[in-house]
PDB file of N, CA and C in Angstrom:
ATOM      1  N   MET A   1     104.059 102.484  84.761  1.00  0.00           N
ATOM      2  CA  MET A   1     105.702 102.291  84.679  1.00  0.00           C
ATOM      3  C   MET A   1     106.073 102.284  86.271  1.00  0.00           C
ATOM      4  N   SER A   2     106.105 103.278  87.012  1.00  0.00           N
ATOM      5  CA  SER A   2     106.793 103.037  88.211  1.00  0.00           C
ATOM      6  C   SER A   2     106.248 104.042  89.219  1.00  0.00           C
ATOM      7  N   LEU A   3     106.765 104.110  90.427  1.00  0.00           N
ATOM      8  CA  LEU A   3     106.262 104.952  91.390  1.00  0.00           C
ATOM      9  C   LEU A   3     107.512 104.951  92.283  1.00  0.00           C
ATOM     10  N   SER A   4     107.539 106.227  92.897  1.00  0.00           N
ATOM     11  CA  SER A   4     109.044 106.465  93.770  1.00  0.00           C
ATOM     12  C   SER A   4     108.463 107.583  94.663  1.00  0.00           C
ATOM     13  N   THR A   5     109.178 107.434  95.772  1.00  0.00           N
ATOM     14  CA  THR A   5     108.628 108.475  96.852  1.00  0.00           C
ATOM     15  C   THR A   5     110.129 108.742  97.581  1.00  0.00           C
ATOM     16  N   HIS A   6     109.904 109.767  98.320  1.00  0.00           N
ATOM     17  CA  HIS A   6     111.099 110.074  99.318  1.00  0.00           C
ATOM     18  C   HIS A   6     110.570 110.922 100.622  1.00  0.00           C
ATOM     19  N   VAL A   7     111.215 110.516 101.643  1.00  0.00           N
ATOM     20  CA  VAL A   7     110.782 111.474 102.952  1.00  0.00           C
ATOM     21  C   VAL A   7     111.686 112.176 103.282  1.00  0.00           C
ATOM     22  N   LEU A   8     111.449 113.436 103.564  1.00  0.00           N
ATOM     23  CA  LEU A   8     112.305 114.406 104.294  1.00  0.00           C
ATOM     24  C   LEU A   8     112.115 115.015 105.776  1.00  0.00           C
ATOM     25  N   ASP A   9     113.097 114.563 106.932  1.00  0.00           N
ATOM     26  CA  ASP A   9     112.666 115.071 107.829  1.00  0.00           C
ATOM     27  C   ASP A   9     112.728 116.388 107.976  1.00  0.00           C
ATOM     28  N   ALA A  10     111.814 117.018 108.121  1.00  0.00           N
ATOM     29  CA  ALA A  10     112.019 118.585 108.058  1.00  0.00           C
ATOM     30  C   ALA A  10     112.346 119.380 109.461  1.00  0.00           C
ATOM     31  N   MET A  11     112.007 118.520 110.496  1.00  0.00           N
ATOM     32  CA  MET A  11     112.661 119.116 111.674  1.00  0.00           C
ATOM     33  C   MET A  11     114.231 118.994 111.941  1.00  0.00           C
ATOM     34  N   ARG A  12     114.727 117.797 111.179  1.00  0.00           N
ATOM     35  CA  ARG A  12     116.304 117.943 111.217  1.00  0.00           C
ATOM     36  C   ARG A  12     116.942 118.422 110.018  1.00  0.00           C
ATOM     37  N   GLY A  13     116.244 118.466 108.767  1.00  0.00           N
ATOM     38  CA  GLY A  13     116.681 118.977 107.637  1.00  0.00           C
ATOM     39  C   GLY A  13     117.439 118.035 106.766  1.00  0.00           C
ATOM     40  N   GLU A  14     117.035 116.511 107.135  1.00  0.00           N
ATOM     41  CA  GLU A  14     117.932 115.600 106.372  1.00  0.00           C
ATOM     42  C   GLU A  14     116.802 114.484 106.023  1.00  0.00           C
ATOM     43  N   PRO A  15     117.219 113.653 105.303  1.00  0.00           N
ATOM     44  CA  PRO A  15     116.672 112.613 104.497  1.00  0.00           C
ATOM     45  C   PRO A  15     116.068 111.720 105.829  1.00  0.00           C
ATOM     46  N   ALA A  16     114.979 110.973 105.704  1.00  0.00           N
ATOM     47  CA  ALA A  16     114.363 110.129 106.830  1.00  0.00           C
ATOM     48  C   ALA A  16     114.443 108.482 106.412  1.00  0.00           C
ATOM     49  N   ALA A  17     115.490 108.187 106.855  1.00  0.00           N
ATOM     50  CA  ALA A  17     115.872 106.706 106.610  1.00  0.00           C
ATOM     51  C   ALA A  17     115.125 105.727 107.363  1.00  0.00           C
ATOM     52  N   GLY A  18     114.767 104.651 106.633  1.00  0.00           N
ATOM     53  CA  GLY A  18     114.346 103.628 107.527  1.00  0.00           C
ATOM     54  C   GLY A  18     112.580 103.938 107.836  1.00  0.00           C
ATOM     55  N   VAL A  19     112.088 104.755 106.936  1.00  0.00           N
ATOM     56  CA  VAL A  19     110.402 104.747 107.452  1.00  0.00           C
ATOM     57  C   VAL A  19     109.748 103.790 106.461  1.00  0.00           C
ATOM     58  N   GLY A  20     108.970 103.191 107.308  1.00  0.00           N
ATOM     59  CA  GLY A  20     108.206 102.227 106.769  1.00  0.00           C
ATOM     60  C   GLY A  20     107.060 102.378 105.536  1.00  0.00           C
ATOM     61  N   VAL A  21     107.271 101.988 104.436  1.00  0.00           N
ATOM     62  CA  VAL A  21     105.858 102.405 103.354  1.00  0.00           C
ATOM     63  C   VAL A  21     105.367 101.288 102.964  1.00  0.00           C
ATOM     64  N   ARG A  22     104.020 101.728 102.904  1.00  0.00           N
ATOM     65  CA  ARG A  22     103.084 100.492 102.162  1.00  0.00           C
ATOM     66  C   ARG A  22     102.208 101.150 101.150  1.00  0.00           C
ATOM     67  N   LEU A  23     102.195 100.460  99.982  1.00  0.00           N
ATOM     68  CA  LEU A  23     101.496 100.774  98.848  1.00  0.00           C
ATOM     69  C   LEU A  23     100.272 100.214  98.763  1.00  0.00           C
ATOM     70  N   GLU A  24      99.230 100.577  98.644  1.00  0.00           N
ATOM     71  CA  GLU A  24      97.852 100.025  98.510  1.00  0.00           C
ATOM     72  C   GLU A  24      97.210 100.566  97.649  1.00  0.00           C
ATOM     73  N   VAL A  25      96.031  99.675  97.095  1.00  0.00           N
ATOM     74  CA  VAL A  25      95.382 100.156  95.856  1.00  0.00           C
ATOM     75  C   VAL A  25      93.802 100.004  96.414  1.00  0.00           C
ATOM     76  N   ALA A  26      92.909 100.700  96.033  1.00  0.00           N
ATOM     77  CA  ALA A  26      91.449 100.693  96.228  1.00  0.00           C
ATOM     78  C   ALA A  26      90.800  99.608  95.713  1.00  0.00           C
ATOM     79  N   ALA A  27      90.037  98.708  96.984  1.00  0.00           N
ATOM     80  CA  ALA A  27      89.486  97.363  96.235  1.00  0.00           C
ATOM     81  C   ALA A  27      88.232  97.785  96.843  1.00  0.00           C
ATOM     82  N   ASP A  28      87.037  96.615  96.507  1.00  0.00           N
ATOM     83  CA  ASP A  28      85.602  96.706  96.876  1.00  0.00           C
ATOM     84  C   ASP A  28      85.364  96.706  98.295  1.00  0.00           C
ATOM     85  N   ASP A  29      86.121  96.014  98.783  1.00  0.00           N
ATOM     86  CA  ASP A  29      86.103  95.949 100.404  1.00  0.00           C
ATOM     87  C   ASP A  29      87.186  96.708 101.088  1.00  0.00           C
ATOM     88  N   GLY A  30      87.760  97.682 100.497  1.00  0.00           N
ATOM     89  CA  GLY A  30      88.873  98.485 101.249  1.00  0.00           C
ATOM     90  C   GLY A  30      90.129  98.773 100.536  1.00  0.00           C
ATOM     91  N   TRP A  31      91.185  98.550 101.066  1.00  0.00           N
ATOM     92  CA  TRP A  31      92.427  98.746 100.496  1.00  0.00           C
ATOM     93  C   TRP A  31      93.261  97.566 100.752  1.00  0.00           C
ATOM     94  N   LYS A  32      93.822  97.340  99.538  1.00  0.00           N
ATOM     95  CA  LYS A  32      94.562  96.045  99.276  1.00  0.00           C
ATOM     96  C   LYS A  32      96.086  96.183  99.479  1.00  0.00           C
ATOM     97  N   VAL A  33      96.852  95.710 100.136  1.00  0.00           N
ATOM     98  CA  VAL A  33      98.311  95.997 100.145  1.00  0.00           C
ATOM     99  C   VAL A  33      99.203  95.219  98.871  1.00  0.00           C
ATOM    100  N   LEU A  34      99.879  95.939  97.987  1.00  0.00           N
ATOM    101  CA  LEU A  34     100.446  95.797  97.093  1.00  0.00           C
ATOM    102  C   LEU A  34     101.877  95.362  97.328  1.00  0.00           C
ATOM    103  N   ALA A  35     102.704  96.180  98.259  1.00  0.00           N
ATOM    104  CA  ALA A  35     103.954  96.103  98.377  1.00  0.00           C
ATOM    105  C   ALA A  35     104.242  96.857  99.822  1.00  0.00           C
ATOM    106  N   THR A  36     105.381  96.566 100.344  1.00  0.00           N
ATOM    107  CA  THR A  36     105.695  97.144 101.549  1.00  0.00           C
ATOM    108  C   THR A  36     107.517  97.330 101.419  1.00  0.00           C
ATOM    109  N   THR A  37     107.978  98.303 102.229  1.00  0.00           N
ATOM    110  CA  THR A  37     109.072  98.688 101.958  1.00  0.00           C
ATOM    111  C   THR A  37     109.821  99.756 102.956  1.00  0.00           C
ATOM    112  N   ARG A  38     110.813  99.884 102.908  1.00  0.00           N
ATOM    113  CA  ARG A  38     111.319 101.063 103.578  1.00  0.00           C
ATOM    114  C   ARG A  38     112.135 102.081 102.788  1.00  0.00           C
ATOM    115  N   THR A  39     112.219 103.200 103.613  1.00  0.00           N
ATOM    116  CA  THR A  39     113.117 104.413 102.863  1.00  0.00           C
ATOM    117  C   THR A  39     114.542 104.186 103.108  1.00  0.00           C
ATOM    118  N   GLY A  40     115.433 104.133 102.089  1.00  0.00           N
ATOM    119  CA  GLY A  40     116.885 103.929 102.349  1.00  0.00           C
ATOM    120  C   GLY A  40     117.444 105.211 102.999  1.00  0.00           C
ATOM    121  N   ALA A  41     118.971 105.100 103.056  1.00  0.00           N
ATOM    122  CA  ALA A  41     119.757 105.962 104.020  1.00  0.00           C
ATOM    123  C   ALA A  41     119.675 107.337 103.350  1.00  0.00           C
ATOM    124  N   ASP A  42     118.969 107.502 101.925  1.00  0.00           N
ATOM    125  CA  ASP A  42     118.954 108.629 101.362  1.00  0.00           C
ATOM    126  C   ASP A  42     117.309 109.195 101.575  1.00  0.00           C
ATOM    127  N   GLY A  43     116.582 108.409 102.188  1.00  0.00           N
ATOM    128  CA  GLY A  43     115.299 108.816 102.430  1.00  0.00           C
ATOM    129  C   GLY A  43     114.427 108.570 101.292  1.00  0.00           C
ATOM    130  N   ARG A  44     115.000 107.764 100.264  1.00  0.00           N
ATOM    131  CA  ARG A  44     114.086 107.512  99.232  1.00  0.00           C
ATOM    132  C   ARG A  44     113.586 105.939  98.946  1.00  0.00           C
ATOM    133  N   VAL A  45     112.869 105.839  98.250  1.00  0.00           N
ATOM    134  CA  VAL A  45     112.464 104.511  97.442  1.00  0.00           C
ATOM    135  C   VAL A  45     112.438 104.870  96.029  1.00  0.00           C
ATOM    136  N   ARG A  46     113.281 104.520  95.273  1.00  0.00           N
ATOM    137  CA  ARG A  46     113.146 104.710  93.685  1.00  0.00           C
ATOM    138  C   ARG A  46     112.082 103.883  93.176  1.00  0.00           C
ATOM    139  N   ASP A  47     111.730 102.707  93.506  1.00  0.00           N
ATOM    140  CA  ASP A  47     110.796 101.929  92.741  1.00  0.00           C
ATOM    141  C   ASP A  47     109.926 101.150  93.751  1.00  0.00           C
ATOM    142  N   VAL A  48     108.548 101.730  93.934  1.00  0.00           N
ATOM    143  CA  VAL A  48     108.039 101.006  94.905  1.00  0.00           C
ATOM    144  C   VAL A  48     107.268  99.655  94.215  1.00  0.00           C
ATOM    145  N   LEU A  49     106.641  99.561  93.061  1.00  0.00           N
ATOM    146  CA  LEU A  49     106.024  98.760  92.487  1.00  0.00           C
ATOM    147  C   LEU A  49     106.230  98.765  90.744  1.00  0.00           C
ATOM    148  N   SER A  50     107.329  98.832  90.483  1.00  0.00           N
ATOM    149  CA  SER A  50     107.710  98.785  88.842  1.00  0.00           C
ATOM    150  C   SER A  50     106.694  97.970  88.073  1.00  0.00           C
ATOM    151  N   GLY A  51     106.038  98.550  87.193  1.00  0.00           N
ATOM    152  CA  GLY A  51     105.166  97.545  86.080  1.00  0.00           C
ATOM    153  C   GLY A  51     103.999  97.006  86.386  1.00  0.00           C
ATOM    154  N   HIS A  52     103.488  97.191  87.678  1.00  0.00           N
ATOM    155  CA  HIS A  52     102.500  96.318  88.078  1.00  0.00           C
ATOM    156  C   HIS A  52     101.296  97.353  88.565  1.00  0.00           C
ATOM    157  N   LEU A  53     101.543  98.725  88.159  1.00  0.00           N
ATOM    158  CA  LEU A  53     100.313  99.853  88.613  1.00  0.00           C
ATOM    159  C   LEU A  53      99.258  99.344  87.886  1.00  0.00           C
ATOM    160  N   THR A  54      98.024  99.891  88.201  1.00  0.00           N
ATOM    161  CA  THR A  54      96.772  99.847  87.456  1.00  0.00           C
ATOM    162  C   THR A  54      96.213 101.449  87.657  1.00  0.00           C
ATOM    163  N   ARG A  55      95.371 101.680  86.503  1.00  0.00           N
ATOM    164  CA  ARG A  55      94.552 103.035  86.667  1.00  0.00           C
ATOM    165  C   ARG A  55      93.780 102.914  87.884  1.00  0.00           C
ATOM    166  N   GLY A  56      93.592 103.969  88.465  1.00  0.00           N
ATOM    167  CA  GLY A  56      92.766 103.864  89.574  1.00  0.00           C
ATOM    168  C   GLY A  56      93.203 104.601  91.212  1.00  0.00           C
ATOM    169  N   PRO A  57      92.439 104.456  92.192  1.00  0.00           N
ATOM    170  CA  PRO A  57      93.103 105.279  93.302  1.00  0.00           C
ATOM    171  C   PRO A  57      94.156 104.142  93.831  1.00  0.00           C
ATOM    172  N   HIS A  58      95.054 104.747  94.619  1.00  0.00           N
ATOM    173  CA  HIS A  58      96.423 104.167  95.246  1.00  0.00           C
ATOM    174  C   HIS A  58      96.389 104.987  96.389  1.00  0.00           C
ATOM    175  N   ARG A  59      97.281 104.351  97.665  1.00  0.00           N
ATOM    176  CA  ARG A  59      97.775 105.130  98.621  1.00  0.00           C
ATOM    177  C   ARG A  59      99.137 104.730  98.782  1.00  0.00           C
ATOM    178  N   LEU A  60      99.910 105.544  99.577  1.00  0.00           N
ATOM    179  CA  LEU A  60     100.880 105.433 100.211  1.00  0.00           C
ATOM    180  C   LEU A  60     101.043 105.555 101.782  1.00  0.00           C
ATOM    181  N   VAL A  61     101.634 104.656 102.547  1.00  0.00           N
ATOM    182  CA  VAL A  61     100.987 104.877 103.892  1.00  0.00           C
ATOM    183  C   VAL A  61     102.518 104.828 104.533  1.00  0.00           C
ATOM    184  N   PHE A  62     102.791 105.832 105.342  1.00  0.00           N
ATOM    185  CA  PHE A  62     104.131 105.658 105.803  1.00  0.00           C
ATOM    186  C   PHE A  62     104.135 105.654 107.525  1.00  0.00           C
ATOM    187  N   ASP A  63     104.590 104.470 108.039  1.00  0.00           N
ATOM    188  CA  ASP A  63     104.768 104.574 109.497  1.00  0.00           C
ATOM    189  C   ASP A  63     105.417 105.474 110.077  1.00  0.00           C
ATOM    190  N   THR A  64     104.834 106.723 110.471  1.00  0.00           N
ATOM    191  CA  THR A  64     105.637 107.646 110.941  1.00  0.00           C
ATOM    192  C   THR A  64     106.013 107.561 112.447  1.00  0.00           C
ATOM    193  N   ALA A  65     105.201 106.714 113.182  1.00  0.00           N
ATOM    194  CA  ALA A  65     105.281 106.396 114.700  1.00  0.00           C
ATOM    195  C   ALA A  65     106.610 105.633 115.112  1.00  0.00           C
ATOM    196  N   ALA A  66     106.935 104.559 113.865  1.00  0.00           N
ATOM    197  CA  ALA A  66     107.973 103.939 114.149  1.00  0.00           C
ATOM    198  C   ALA A  66     109.129 104.613 114.096  1.00  0.00           C
ATOM    199  N   TYR A  67     109.215 105.705 112.741  1.00  0.00           N
ATOM    200  CA  TYR A  67     110.564 106.258 112.765  1.00  0.00           C
ATOM    201  C   TYR A  67     110.571 107.341 113.782  1.00  0.00           C
ATOM    202  N   PHE A  68     109.529 107.914 114.268  1.00  0.00           N
ATOM    203  CA  PHE A  68     109.846 108.975 115.434  1.00  0.00           C
ATOM    204  C   PHE A  68     110.389 108.024 116.453  1.00  0.00           C
ATOM    205  N   ALA A  69     109.858 107.074 116.763  1.00  0.00           N
ATOM    206  CA  ALA A  69     110.448 106.355 118.109  1.00  0.00           C
ATOM    207  C   ALA A  69     111.913 105.914 117.743  1.00  0.00           C
ATOM    208  N   ASP A  70     112.169 105.559 116.641  1.00  0.00           N
ATOM    209  CA  ASP A  70     113.391 105.389 116.429  1.00  0.00           C
ATOM    210  C   ASP A  70     114.602 106.658 116.191  1.00  0.00           C
ATOM    211  N   GLN A  71     114.050 107.745 116.230  1.00  0.00           N
ATOM    212  CA  GLN A  71     114.532 108.958 116.511  1.00  0.00           C
ATOM    213  C   GLN A  71     114.656 109.824 117.851  1.00  0.00           C
ATOM    214  N   GLY A  72     113.944 108.674 118.732  1.00  0.00           N
ATOM    215  CA  GLY A  72     113.857 109.138 120.255  1.00  0.00           C
ATOM    216  C   GLY A  72     113.124 110.369 120.376  1.00  0.00           C
ATOM    217  N   ILE A  73     112.209 110.315 119.329  1.00  0.00           N
ATOM    218  CA  ILE A  73     110.985 111.585 119.546  1.00  0.00           C
ATOM    219  C   ILE A  73     109.706 110.972 120.098  1.00  0.00           C
ATOM    220  N   ASP A  74     109.341 110.962 121.404  1.00  0.00           N
ATOM    221  CA  ASP A  74     108.257 110.611 121.947  1.00  0.00           C
ATOM    222  C   ASP A  74     106.963 111.362 121.991  1.00  0.00           C
ATOM    223  N   GLU A  75     106.896 112.634 121.306  1.00  0.00           N
ATOM    224  CA  GLU A  75     105.662 113.362 121.420  1.00  0.00           C
ATOM    225  C   GLU A  75     105.649 113.741 119.855  1.00  0.00           C
ATOM    226  N   PHE A  76     104.394 113.249 119.069  1.00  0.00           N
ATOM    227  CA  PHE A  76     104.173 113.389 117.813  1.00  0.00           C
ATOM    228  C   PHE A  76     102.709 113.295 117.536  1.00  0.00           C
ATOM    229  N   PHE A  77     102.121 113.872 116.682  1.00  0.00           N
ATOM    230  CA  PHE A  77     100.825 114.021 116.310  1.00  0.00           C
ATOM    231  C   PHE A  77     100.220 112.816 115.372  1.00  0.00           C
ATOM    232  N   TYR A  78     101.063 112.703 114.028  1.00  0.00           N
ATOM    233  CA  TYR A  78     100.567 111.640 113.144  1.00  0.00           C
ATOM    234  C   TYR A  78     101.314 110.202 113.271  1.00  0.00           C
ATOM    235  N   PRO A  79     100.562 109.466 113.638  1.00  0.00           N
ATOM    236  CA  PRO A  79     101.185 107.788 113.719  1.00  0.00           C
ATOM    237  C   PRO A  79     101.568 107.225 112.524  1.00  0.00           C
ATOM    238  N   GLU A  80     100.783 107.883 111.490  1.00  0.00           N
ATOM    239  CA  GLU A  80     100.823 107.269 110.201  1.00  0.00           C
ATOM    240  C   GLU A  80     100.611 108.461 109.223  1.00  0.00           C
ATOM    241  N   VAL A  81     100.940 108.345 108.185  1.00  0.00           N
ATOM    242  CA  VAL A  81     100.506 109.356 106.823  1.00  0.00           C
ATOM    243  C   VAL A  81      99.973 108.670 105.913  1.00  0.00           C
ATOM    244  N   ALA A  82      98.530 108.909 105.586  1.00  0.00           N
ATOM    245  CA  ALA A  82      98.581 108.213 104.372  1.00  0.00           C
ATOM    246  C   ALA A  82      98.168 109.077 103.114  1.00  0.00           C
ATOM    247  N   VAL A  83      98.701 109.011 102.170  1.00  0.00           N
ATOM    248  CA  VAL A  83      98.655 109.737 101.120  1.00  0.00           C
ATOM    249  C   VAL A  83      98.075 109.110  99.752  1.00  0.00           C
ATOM    250  N   SER A  84      96.642 109.463  99.735  1.00  0.00           N
ATOM    251  CA  SER A  84      95.788 108.960  98.746  1.00  0.00           C
ATOM    252  C   SER A  84      96.331 109.799  97.238  1.00  0.00           C
ATOM    253  N   PHE A  85      95.974 109.099  96.260  1.00  0.00           N
ATOM    254  CA  PHE A  85      96.546 109.644  94.709  1.00  0.00           C
ATOM    255  C   PHE A  85      95.803 108.704  93.703  1.00  0.00           C
ATOM    256  N   PHE A  86      95.611 109.172  92.711  1.00  0.00           N
ATOM    257  CA  PHE A  86      94.811 108.671  91.574  1.00  0.00           C
ATOM    258  C   PHE A  86      96.053 108.343  90.235  1.00  0.00           C
ATOM    259  N   ILE A  87      96.061 107.011  89.979  1.00  0.00           N
ATOM    260  CA  ILE A  87      97.014 106.930  88.853  1.00  0.00           C
ATOM    261  C   ILE A  87      96.178 106.822  87.541  1.00  0.00           C
ATOM    262  N   ALA A  88      96.456 108.001  86.905  1.00  0.00           N
ATOM    263  CA  ALA A  88      95.477 108.083  85.433  1.00  0.00           C
ATOM    264  C   ALA A  88      96.197 107.292  84.396  1.00  0.00           C
ATOM    265  N   ASP A  89      97.429 107.211  84.352  1.00  0.00           N
ATOM    266  CA  ASP A  89      98.027 106.497  83.454  1.00  0.00           C
ATOM    267  C   ASP A  89      99.375 105.809  83.914  1.00  0.00           C
ATOM    268  N   PRO A  90      99.020 104.386  83.865  1.00  0.00           N
ATOM    269  CA  PRO A  90     100.178 103.273  84.743  1.00  0.00           C
ATOM    270  C   PRO A  90     101.652 103.587  83.753  1.00  0.00           C
ATOM    271  N   ALA A  91     101.309 104.080  82.392  1.00  0.00           N
ATOM    272  CA  ALA A  91     102.735 104.047  81.683  1.00  0.00           C
ATOM    273  C   ALA A  91     103.489 105.089  82.243  1.00  0.00           C
ATOM    274  N   VAL A  92     103.147 105.988  82.808  1.00  0.00           N
ATOM    275  CA  VAL A  92     104.211 107.137  83.129  1.00  0.00           C
ATOM    276  C   VAL A  92     104.788 107.082  84.515  1.00  0.00           C
ATOM    277  N   HIS A  93     105.662 107.909  84.898  1.00  0.00           N
ATOM    278  CA  HIS A  93     106.346 107.769  86.366  1.00  0.00           C
ATOM    279  C   HIS A  93     105.682 108.450  87.153  1.00  0.00           C
ATOM    280  N   TYR A  94     105.447 108.328  88.471  1.00  0.00           N
ATOM    281  CA  TYR A  94     104.826 108.959  89.393  1.00  0.00           C
ATOM    282  C   TYR A  94     105.781 108.952  90.733  1.00  0.00           C
ATOM    283  N   HIS A  95     105.875 110.131  91.467  1.00  0.00           N
ATOM    284  CA  HIS A  95     106.689 110.319  92.361  1.00  0.00           C
ATOM    285  C   HIS A  95     105.956 111.320  93.521  1.00  0.00           C
ATOM    286  N   VAL A  96     105.981 110.679  94.574  1.00  0.00           N
ATOM    287  CA  VAL A  96     105.200 111.179  96.005  1.00  0.00           C
ATOM    288  C   VAL A  96     105.902 111.383  96.751  1.00  0.00           C
ATOM    289  N   PRO A  97     106.508 112.523  97.343  1.00  0.00           N
ATOM    290  CA  PRO A  97     107.246 112.812  98.189  1.00  0.00           C
ATOM    291  C   PRO A  97     106.770 113.356  99.293  1.00  0.00           C
ATOM    292  N   LEU A  98     107.246 113.042 100.667  1.00  0.00           N
ATOM    293  CA  LEU A  98     106.384 113.658 102.029  1.00  0.00           C
ATOM    294  C   LEU A  98     107.671 114.231 102.957  1.00  0.00           C
ATOM    295  N   LEU A  99     107.188 115.322 102.980  1.00  0.00           N
ATOM    296  CA  LEU A  99     108.126 115.885 103.962  1.00  0.00           C
ATOM    297  C   LEU A  99     107.381 116.162 105.563  1.00  0.00           C
ATOM    298  N   LEU A 100     108.291 115.745 106.315  1.00  0.00           N
ATOM    299  CA  LEU A 100     107.574 115.267 107.620  1.00  0.00           C
ATOM    300  C   LEU A 100     108.093 116.188 108.856  1.00  0.00           C
ATOM    301  N   SER A 101     107.530 116.289 109.942  1.00  0.00           N
ATOM    302  CA  SER A 101     107.916 116.838 111.253  1.00  0.00           C
ATOM    303  C   SER A 101     106.742 116.090 112.271  1.00  0.00           C
ATOM    304  N   PRO A 102     107.075 116.084 113.594  1.00  0.00           N
ATOM    305  CA  PRO A 102     106.299 115.442 114.420  1.00  0.00           C
ATOM    306  C   PRO A 102     104.859 116.175 114.545  1.00  0.00           C
ATOM    307  N   PHE A 103     104.640 117.344 114.078  1.00  0.00           N
ATOM    308  CA  PHE A 103     103.237 117.865 114.119  1.00  0.00           C
ATOM    309  C   PHE A 103     102.860 118.609 112.864  1.00  0.00           C
ATOM    310  N   ALA A 104     103.280 117.973 111.967  1.00  0.00           N
ATOM    311  CA  ALA A 104     103.050 118.609 110.572  1.00  0.00           C
ATOM    312  C   ALA A 104     103.531 117.495 109.314  1.00  0.00           C
ATOM    313  N   TYR A 105     102.827 117.738 108.130  1.00  0.00           N
ATOM    314  CA  TYR A 105     103.370 117.087 106.825  1.00  0.00           C
ATOM    315  C   TYR A 105     102.749 117.531 105.786  1.00  0.00           C
ATOM    316  N   SER A 106     103.673 117.768 104.705  1.00  0.00           N
ATOM    317  CA  SER A 106     103.378 118.187 103.495  1.00  0.00           C
ATOM    318  C   SER A 106     103.533 117.291 102.270  1.00  0.00           C
ATOM    319  N   THR A 107     102.774 117.216 101.349  1.00  0.00           N
ATOM    320  CA  THR A 107     103.084 116.156 100.230  1.00  0.00           C
ATOM    321  C   THR A 107     102.919 117.065  98.819  1.00  0.00           C
ATOM    322  N   TYR A 108     103.124 116.585  97.638  1.00  0.00           N
ATOM    323  CA  TYR A 108     102.904 117.067  96.443  1.00  0.00           C
ATOM    324  C   TYR A 108     103.105 116.138  95.202  1.00  0.00           C
ATOM    325  N   ARG A 109     102.710 116.300  94.300  1.00  0.00           N
ATOM    326  CA  ARG A 109     103.320 115.179  92.972  1.00  0.00           C
ATOM    327  C   ARG A 109     104.498 115.689  92.527  1.00  0.00           C
ATOM    328  N   GLY A 110     105.499 114.962  92.657  1.00  0.00           N
ATOM    329  CA  GLY A 110     106.652 115.198  92.252  1.00  0.00           C
ATOM    330  C   GLY A 110     107.268 114.637  90.791  1.00  0.00           C
ATOM    331  N   SER A 111     108.323 114.968  90.474  1.00  0.00           N
ATOM    332  CA  SER A 111     108.709 114.367  89.043  1.00  0.00           C
ATOM    333  C   SER A 111     109.699 113.600  89.082  1.00  0.00           C
TER     334      SER A 111
END
């Protein structure tokens, strides 16, 4: 059905706007890019790739280095965050949030 995400900047306590997001699917020779996008002003991507998801391993890759650079933060630990997950039923909605700071991140399956 659909996949959404949102990124919250835990250090600033606000949505992380403009974060580059790449959706990939596992392939025999590595990862294949399915879509690229950016978070909006509210830190959200409401529909990464509607209707084209398949059962199996996927991952969202967040370009945190560019986001931190845009925020004037030059000291951080994770230049990108790759969140791997398994789509068991492509007919349901998946939401994958990311809480981000320069030296830590967390994620979970949202609703």
